[in-house]
Amino acid sequence: MKILLIFLLALSLYASDGKKEHHLSKDLSYLELTSEQKEIAKGILKQFRVDIKAFREFKEKMEDEKEALVMREVLNEDDLQKINQAISQKSSIIESHFLLQMYNLLTPEQRQKFAHNLEEWEVE
């Protein structure tokens, strides 16, 4: 039974839907980076992880503020929109910065492969 599960897992990792190759989330090995690119990518990914951690803390704080707003006697829509915009703006800045760095690092062929997996790099 264990062998069957391992086989099915391995098969699902190597399956292809015709549009893109399957790979582990946030794994860049499919891009076949050069040694120099790998070193630069490590730094980019390290900073991205730091930014994501800070964003999650920020988002949690903003959601606490939103919860406090909802518990008031009168709910101000402008205050809610400001919180939502702050979260969206910070998310957008982190994602844009990361994608710009990756764009500058990758060759046109690598960018094409990377573009097929953009959804896994969205900041949420």
Protein backbone atom coordinates (compact mmCIF):
# COMPACT_ATOMS: atom_id res chain seq x y z
CA MET A 1 0.00 0.00 0.00
CA LYS A 2 2.83 2.40 0.87
CA ILE A 3 4.53 1.66 -2.43
CA LEU A 4 1.33 2.46 -4.31
CA LEU A 5 1.00 5.80 -2.49
CA ILE A 6 4.63 6.69 -3.22
CA PHE A 7 4.15 5.74 -6.88
CA LEU A 8 1.00 7.88 -7.17
CA LEU A 9 2.71 10.82 -5.50
CA ALA A 10 5.71 10.54 -7.80
CA LEU A 11 3.44 10.23 -10.82
CA SER A 12 1.47 13.34 -9.84
CA LEU A 13 4.69 15.35 -9.45
CA TYR A 14 5.88 14.44 -12.92
CA ALA A 15 2.53 14.67 -14.72
CA SER A 16 2.07 17.40 -17.29
CA ASP A 17 -1.14 19.15 -18.28
CA GLY A 18 0.26 20.35 -21.61
CA LYS A 19 0.39 24.00 -20.56
CA LYS A 20 3.17 23.88 -18.00
CA GLU A 21 5.42 21.50 -16.21
CA HIS A 22 4.56 20.64 -12.64
CA HIS A 23 7.07 21.49 -9.97
CA LEU A 24 7.22 22.04 -6.27
CA SER A 25 5.84 25.36 -5.11
CA LYS A 26 8.40 28.17 -5.13
CA ASP A 27 11.02 25.85 -6.62
CA LEU A 28 13.04 27.47 -9.40
CA SER A 29 14.92 24.38 -10.59
CA TYR A 30 12.72 24.20 -13.70
CA LEU A 31 14.33 27.46 -14.84
CA GLU A 32 17.78 25.85 -15.10
CA LEU A 33 19.55 28.85 -13.58
CA THR A 34 23.28 29.34 -14.01
CA SER A 35 25.50 29.26 -10.89
CA GLU A 36 25.62 33.05 -10.87
CA GLN A 37 21.85 33.32 -11.26
CA LYS A 38 21.33 30.82 -8.43
CA GLU A 39 23.37 32.94 -6.03
CA ILE A 40 21.47 36.09 -6.96
CA ALA A 41 18.12 34.26 -6.79
CA LYS A 42 18.94 33.02 -3.28
CA GLY A 43 19.30 36.62 -2.14
CA ILE A 44 16.11 37.67 -3.89
CA LEU A 45 14.16 34.79 -2.36
CA LYS A 46 15.60 35.42 1.10
CA GLN A 47 14.49 39.06 0.97
CA PHE A 48 11.09 38.00 -0.42
CA ARG A 49 10.58 35.68 2.56
CA VAL A 50 11.54 38.47 4.98
CA ASP A 51 9.11 40.83 3.24
CA ILE A 52 6.32 38.22 3.32
CA LYS A 53 6.83 37.64 7.04
CA ALA A 54 6.66 41.38 7.72
CA PHE A 55 3.59 41.64 5.48
CA ARG A 56 1.77 38.89 7.37
CA GLU A 57 2.45 40.66 10.67
CA PHE A 58 1.25 43.94 9.15
CA LYS A 59 -1.85 42.30 7.71
CA GLU A 60 -2.70 40.71 11.06
CA LYS A 61 -2.41 44.10 12.76
CA MET A 62 -4.63 45.70 10.11
CA GLU A 63 -7.22 42.94 10.49
CA ASP A 64 -7.24 43.55 14.25
CA GLU A 65 -7.91 47.21 13.54
CA LYS A 66 -10.68 46.26 11.13
CA GLU A 67 -12.24 44.04 13.79
CA ALA A 68 -12.11 46.94 16.25
CA LEU A 69 -13.85 49.17 13.71
CA VAL A 70 -16.65 46.66 13.21
CA MET A 71 -17.23 46.50 16.95
CA ARG A 72 -17.86 50.27 17.20
CA GLU A 73 -21.31 51.79 17.51
CA VAL A 74 -20.96 53.40 14.09
CA LEU A 75 -18.99 51.87 11.27
CA ASN A 76 -17.16 54.29 8.99
CA GLU A 77 -16.76 52.93 5.47
CA ASP A 78 -13.82 55.24 4.75
CA ASP A 79 -11.87 53.75 7.66
CA LEU A 80 -12.52 50.24 6.35
CA GLN A 81 -11.40 51.23 2.86
CA LYS A 82 -8.19 52.77 4.22
CA ILE A 83 -7.31 49.53 5.98
CA ASN A 84 -8.10 47.42 2.92
CA GLN A 85 -6.12 49.78 0.67
CA ALA A 86 -3.12 49.71 3.01
CA ILE A 87 -3.09 45.91 2.92
CA SER A 88 -3.47 45.81 -0.86
CA GLN A 89 -0.84 48.48 -1.43
CA LYS A 90 1.77 46.77 0.75
CA SER A 91 1.06 43.43 -0.94
CA SER A 92 1.37 44.99 -4.38
CA ILE A 93 4.67 46.71 -3.56
CA ILE A 94 6.26 43.49 -2.29
CA GLU A 95 5.06 41.46 -5.27
CA SER A 96 6.09 44.10 -7.83
CA HIS A 97 9.55 44.47 -6.31
CA PHE A 98 10.09 40.70 -6.33
CA LEU A 99 8.87 40.28 -9.91
CA LEU A 100 11.03 43.15 -11.14
CA GLN A 101 14.11 41.59 -9.56
CA MET A 102 13.31 38.20 -11.08
CA TYR A 103 12.65 39.79 -14.47
CA ASN A 104 16.06 41.45 -14.39
CA LEU A 105 17.74 38.18 -13.39
CA LEU A 106 16.16 35.84 -15.93
CA THR A 107 16.78 35.36 -19.63
CA PRO A 108 13.79 35.78 -22.00
CA GLU A 109 13.37 31.98 -22.17
CA GLN A 110 13.48 31.67 -18.38
CA ARG A 111 10.98 34.53 -18.03
CA GLN A 112 8.56 32.66 -20.25
CA LYS A 113 8.76 29.58 -18.01
CA PHE A 114 8.55 31.72 -14.87
CA ALA A 115 5.48 33.55 -16.20
CA HIS A 116 3.52 30.29 -16.31
CA ASN A 117 3.82 30.04 -12.52
CA LEU A 118 3.19 33.62 -11.40
CA GLU A 119 0.21 32.69 -9.25
CA GLU A 120 2.44 30.93 -6.73
CA TRP A 121 4.34 34.18 -6.13
CA GLU A 122 1.27 36.30 -5.34
CA VAL A 123 1.43 38.04 -1.99
CA GLU A 124 -1.69 37.34 0.03
